Structure formats: C-alpha cells, structure tokens
Amino acid sequence: MRAAPVGEGDLQAVIVHLDITERKLAEEALQEAHDQLEQRVAERTTELSSTNEQLRVEIGEHKRAEENLQQAFAEIERYKSQLEAESAYLREEIRSEHNFQEIIGGSDALKYVLYKVNQIAPTDTTALILGETGTGKELIARAIHSASSRKERPLVKVNCAALPANLIESELFGHERGAFTGAFAKKRGLLYAAVGGTVFLDE
C-alpha cells in the first residue's frame, strides 16, 4: 500500500494505492483448499457407503449361512432320533424273535429248564447246555442271553465242529499279521466280538 499527497494549500488530498494481489491469491488458495477438502469428503463418503453396503451384504450372507447350518443340525438331530427309534424297534423285534416265546411246551421238564434259565441269566457264570441234536440248545442259549444284562450286546455263536483244529485258536482269539502262512492282516477273534455279550460254543 502506498500513500501520496496531492494539491496545494488547503486543497490537499492523500491518494492511497492498495495492492490486493496477495489477498486475491490468498483467497484463491483458500478456495482451492476448500474445494479439495470437499472433494476428499465426497470421495471418502462414497468409499464408506460402498464399504457399509459390502458389510451389510456379508452380514446377510453370514446370517443365511448360520441359518442353513442350524437347519442342517436340526435335520441331523431328526435323522439321529429317527435312527435311534428304528434301532430300538429292530432290537425289540430281534429280542421278540429270540426269547421264551420261541420255546413252546408245557412239560415239567421244560418248565424246569426255563426256571434254570431265569436263575442263570442274571449271573456271569458259564452254563453247560446238554441235549440231543435238534432239541433246541441254541434256543435255550438265546433265552439266557435275552434275559441277561448282556442282551444289548451281541450273542456270538461259534460252530466248533466246523472249525479246523489248526485254526480254532486263531478264530477264537484272533491273530497278528504274519503269525502264520496266509495271515496277511491282523484279525480280531470271535471272543473279541463278544465282549460284553455272550458266546455260544456249539458242539
């Protein structure tokens, strides 16, 4: 800014020259900064909106996946319950086929045998069942098993007469791989399969 007096005597004045170039440049710089800030805010707002939308989509997908998983678990539980019910039904069917109902007769001798069955069944003792071929020794063995606490476990029948003498030990107790010629794999014996159940050694 410059000031210069003009005129003479009482008629004098001061002329002031004001340079506004710097002010104008400052205002332009301020406006440019303001515009840039608004542009950045707009860009950031767009980015946040896009991110927010993506998060909403991902949350929706996660909820749908969780609902599908819950439905799958519920379906598995239904199948499990159905399988348990069917298994219980089949066990009952098998039990009904192999209990005292298969033993028909009213003689004193048979009543005595069934009396002994009821005595032996609750115990873990060994029972010797004697009788001619076809008299129902296996039925008596099944009756003992069905009336015992082992009824939920298998009744394993071993036809001893059909086992070669050199394989009886292997069939009953199993063998390791390579224990003898032809033993290509480890095998568990019939007694292992009957753990917790009953073994019926026939003949």
Protein backbone atom coordinates (compact mmCIF):
# COMPACT_ATOMS: atom_id res chain seq x y z
CA MET A 1 0.00 0.00 0.00
CA ARG A 2 1.30 3.44 -0.95
CA ALA A 3 0.03 6.96 0.06
CA ALA A 4 0.91 10.19 -1.78
CA PRO A 5 -0.32 13.79 -1.03
CA VAL A 6 -1.65 15.90 -3.91
CA GLY A 7 -2.76 19.57 -4.20
CA GLU A 8 -1.60 22.83 -2.60
CA GLY A 9 -2.50 24.83 0.42
CA ASP A 10 -5.79 23.99 1.97
CA LEU A 11 -6.76 21.89 -1.01
CA GLN A 12 -4.68 18.87 -0.39
CA ALA A 13 -5.65 15.19 -0.52
CA VAL A 14 -3.99 11.86 0.02
CA ILE A 15 -4.17 9.24 -2.67
CA VAL A 16 -3.82 5.70 -1.34
CA HIS A 17 -2.74 2.88 -3.66
CA LEU A 18 -3.72 -0.56 -2.25
CA ASP A 19 -2.20 -3.66 -3.84
CA ILE A 20 -4.75 -6.55 -3.44
CA THR A 21 -2.80 -9.11 -5.43
CA GLU A 22 -1.59 -11.01 -2.36
CA ARG A 23 -5.05 -11.01 -0.80
CA LYS A 24 -6.59 -12.28 -4.00
CA LEU A 25 -4.02 -15.03 -4.24
CA ALA A 26 -4.68 -16.00 -0.62
CA GLU A 27 -8.44 -16.13 -1.25
CA GLU A 28 -7.91 -18.27 -4.34
CA ALA A 29 -5.63 -20.63 -2.40
CA LEU A 30 -8.20 -20.86 0.39
CA GLN A 31 -10.98 -21.60 -2.11
CA GLU A 32 -8.87 -24.25 -3.79
CA ALA A 33 -8.12 -25.88 -0.43
CA HIS A 34 -11.83 -25.77 0.40
CA ASP A 35 -12.73 -27.39 -2.93
CA GLN A 36 -10.12 -30.11 -2.43
CA LEU A 37 -11.43 -30.78 1.07
CA GLU A 38 -14.99 -31.08 -0.21
CA GLN A 39 -13.80 -33.46 -2.94
CA ARG A 40 -11.96 -35.62 -0.41
CA VAL A 41 -15.00 -35.66 1.87
CA ALA A 42 -17.21 -36.70 -1.06
CA GLU A 43 -14.77 -39.44 -2.12
CA ARG A 44 -14.44 -40.71 1.45
CA THR A 45 -18.21 -40.67 1.87
CA THR A 46 -18.57 -42.75 -1.30
CA GLU A 47 -15.93 -45.22 -0.07
CA LEU A 48 -17.62 -45.53 3.33
CA SER A 49 -21.01 -46.04 1.70
CA SER A 50 -19.57 -48.78 -0.52
CA THR A 51 -17.85 -50.43 2.45
CA ASN A 52 -21.03 -50.20 4.51
CA GLU A 53 -23.05 -51.81 1.72
CA GLN A 54 -20.47 -54.58 1.38
CA LEU A 55 -20.61 -55.18 5.14
CA ARG A 56 -24.40 -55.40 5.00
CA VAL A 57 -24.15 -57.96 2.21
CA GLU A 58 -21.55 -60.01 4.11
CA ILE A 59 -23.61 -59.87 7.32
CA GLY A 60 -26.66 -61.03 5.38
CA GLU A 61 -24.71 -63.91 3.84
CA HIS A 62 -23.31 -64.84 7.25
CA LYS A 63 -26.81 -64.88 8.75
CA ARG A 64 -28.10 -67.04 5.90
CA ALA A 65 -25.16 -69.42 6.28
CA GLU A 66 -25.78 -69.63 10.03
CA GLU A 67 -29.48 -70.32 9.46
CA ASN A 68 -28.62 -73.03 6.91
CA LEU A 69 -26.17 -74.55 9.39
CA GLN A 70 -28.78 -74.55 12.15
CA GLN A 71 -31.28 -76.18 9.79
CA ALA A 72 -28.69 -78.81 8.88
CA PHE A 73 -28.02 -79.53 12.57
CA ALA A 74 -31.75 -79.77 13.24
CA GLU A 75 -32.13 -82.18 10.32
CA ILE A 76 -29.22 -84.28 11.59
CA GLU A 77 -30.85 -84.41 15.03
CA ARG A 78 -34.12 -85.54 13.44
CA TYR A 79 -32.32 -88.25 11.48
CA LYS A 80 -30.44 -89.28 14.62
CA SER A 81 -33.65 -89.55 16.63
CA GLN A 82 -35.30 -91.49 13.82
CA LEU A 83 -32.31 -93.84 13.58
CA GLU A 84 -32.32 -94.41 17.34
CA ALA A 85 -36.04 -95.14 17.26
CA GLU A 86 -35.63 -97.56 14.36
CA SER A 87 -32.67 -99.21 16.08
CA ALA A 88 -34.67 -99.65 19.28
CA TYR A 89 -37.54 -101.08 17.25
CA LEU A 90 -35.25 -103.55 15.47
CA ARG A 91 -33.64 -104.61 18.75
CA GLU A 92 -37.09 -105.22 20.16
CA GLU A 93 -38.05 -107.20 17.07
CA ILE A 94 -34.91 -109.32 17.33
CA ARG A 95 -35.46 -109.79 21.05
CA SER A 96 -39.06 -110.85 20.49
CA GLU A 97 -37.92 -113.39 17.91
CA HIS A 98 -35.35 -114.95 20.21
CA ASN A 99 -36.92 -115.05 23.63
CA PHE A 100 -39.08 -117.51 25.51
CA GLN A 101 -41.90 -117.08 23.00
CA GLU A 102 -40.00 -119.36 20.62
CA ILE A 103 -39.90 -122.08 23.22
CA ILE A 104 -43.20 -123.92 23.08
CA GLY A 105 -44.11 -126.53 25.62
CA GLY A 106 -45.67 -127.09 28.99
CA SER A 107 -43.99 -130.19 30.32
CA ASP A 108 -42.49 -130.26 33.78
CA ALA A 109 -39.05 -130.88 32.28
CA LEU A 110 -39.26 -127.77 30.07
CA LYS A 111 -40.62 -125.67 32.92
CA TYR A 112 -37.65 -126.74 34.99
CA VAL A 113 -35.25 -125.79 32.18
CA LEU A 114 -36.84 -122.32 31.88
CA TYR A 115 -36.65 -121.98 35.65
CA LYS A 116 -32.91 -122.66 35.45
CA VAL A 117 -32.64 -120.15 32.58
CA ASN A 118 -34.11 -117.44 34.82
CA GLN A 119 -31.68 -118.41 37.55
CA ILE A 120 -28.59 -118.37 35.34
CA ALA A 121 -29.38 -115.32 33.16
CA PRO A 122 -28.65 -112.59 35.78
CA THR A 123 -25.22 -114.10 36.54
CA ASP A 124 -21.94 -114.13 34.61
CA THR A 125 -21.37 -117.83 35.12
CA THR A 126 -20.69 -120.41 32.42
CA ALA A 127 -23.63 -122.63 31.51
CA LEU A 128 -23.42 -126.12 30.03
CA ILE A 129 -26.43 -126.94 27.86
CA LEU A 130 -26.83 -130.63 27.11
CA GLY A 131 -29.22 -132.28 24.68
CA GLU A 132 -29.55 -134.27 21.50
CA THR A 133 -29.28 -132.61 18.10
CA GLY A 134 -32.43 -130.63 17.31
CA THR A 135 -33.67 -130.35 20.89
CA GLY A 136 -33.21 -126.55 20.99
CA LYS A 137 -29.90 -125.95 22.74
CA GLU A 138 -29.39 -122.72 20.77
CA LEU A 139 -32.89 -121.52 21.75
CA ILE A 140 -32.00 -122.01 25.40
CA ALA A 141 -28.73 -120.12 24.87
CA ARG A 142 -30.62 -117.25 23.24
CA ALA A 143 -33.16 -117.26 26.06
CA ILE A 144 -30.36 -116.95 28.63
CA HIS A 145 -28.79 -114.11 26.66
CA SER A 146 -32.10 -112.25 26.16
CA ALA A 147 -32.92 -112.43 29.88
CA SER A 148 -29.45 -111.25 30.96
CA SER A 149 -27.91 -107.82 31.43
CA ARG A 150 -25.83 -108.57 28.31
CA LYS A 151 -28.85 -108.51 25.99
CA GLU A 152 -27.81 -105.19 24.39
CA ARG A 153 -24.52 -106.76 23.31
CA PRO A 154 -24.16 -109.50 20.68
CA LEU A 155 -24.72 -113.20 21.10
CA VAL A 156 -21.86 -114.78 19.15
CA LYS A 157 -22.42 -118.35 18.00
CA VAL A 158 -19.33 -120.46 17.31
CA ASN A 159 -19.82 -123.71 15.46
CA CYS A 160 -16.83 -125.55 16.89
CA ALA A 161 -17.42 -128.63 14.74
CA ALA A 162 -16.88 -126.56 11.59
CA LEU A 163 -13.54 -125.10 12.74
CA PRO A 164 -10.34 -126.90 11.66
CA ALA A 165 -8.23 -127.89 14.64
CA ASN A 166 -5.31 -125.75 13.48
CA LEU A 167 -7.49 -122.62 13.20
CA ILE A 168 -9.55 -122.81 16.40
CA GLU A 169 -7.14 -120.62 18.35
CA SER A 170 -6.97 -118.05 15.53
CA GLU A 171 -10.75 -117.92 15.11
CA LEU A 172 -11.44 -117.56 18.82
CA PHE A 173 -8.61 -115.27 19.89
CA GLY A 174 -7.53 -113.67 16.61
CA HIS A 175 -4.00 -113.30 15.25
CA GLU A 176 -1.43 -110.76 14.20
CA ARG A 177 -0.33 -110.21 10.63
CA GLY A 178 2.27 -112.78 9.61
CA ALA A 179 1.55 -115.06 12.58
CA PHE A 180 1.28 -117.99 10.19
CA THR A 181 1.12 -118.73 6.49
CA GLY A 182 -1.84 -116.92 4.97
CA ALA A 183 -2.17 -114.39 7.82
CA PHE A 184 -1.95 -111.33 5.58
CA ALA A 185 -3.63 -108.97 8.03
CA LYS A 186 -4.39 -108.59 11.72
CA LYS A 187 -7.66 -110.26 12.69
CA ARG A 188 -9.70 -109.97 15.87
CA GLY A 189 -11.19 -113.17 17.16
CA LEU A 190 -14.80 -114.09 17.83
CA LEU A 191 -14.27 -113.67 21.57
CA TYR A 192 -13.34 -110.03 20.98
CA ALA A 193 -16.59 -109.52 19.06
CA ALA A 194 -18.49 -110.95 22.02
CA VAL A 195 -17.00 -108.59 24.64
CA GLY A 196 -19.83 -107.58 26.97
CA GLY A 197 -22.12 -110.13 25.35
CA THR A 198 -22.49 -113.90 25.27
CA VAL A 199 -20.54 -116.64 23.49
CA PHE A 200 -22.38 -119.81 22.48
CA LEU A 201 -19.95 -122.63 21.74
CA ASP A 202 -21.98 -125.12 19.74
CA GLU A 203 -20.96 -128.79 19.63
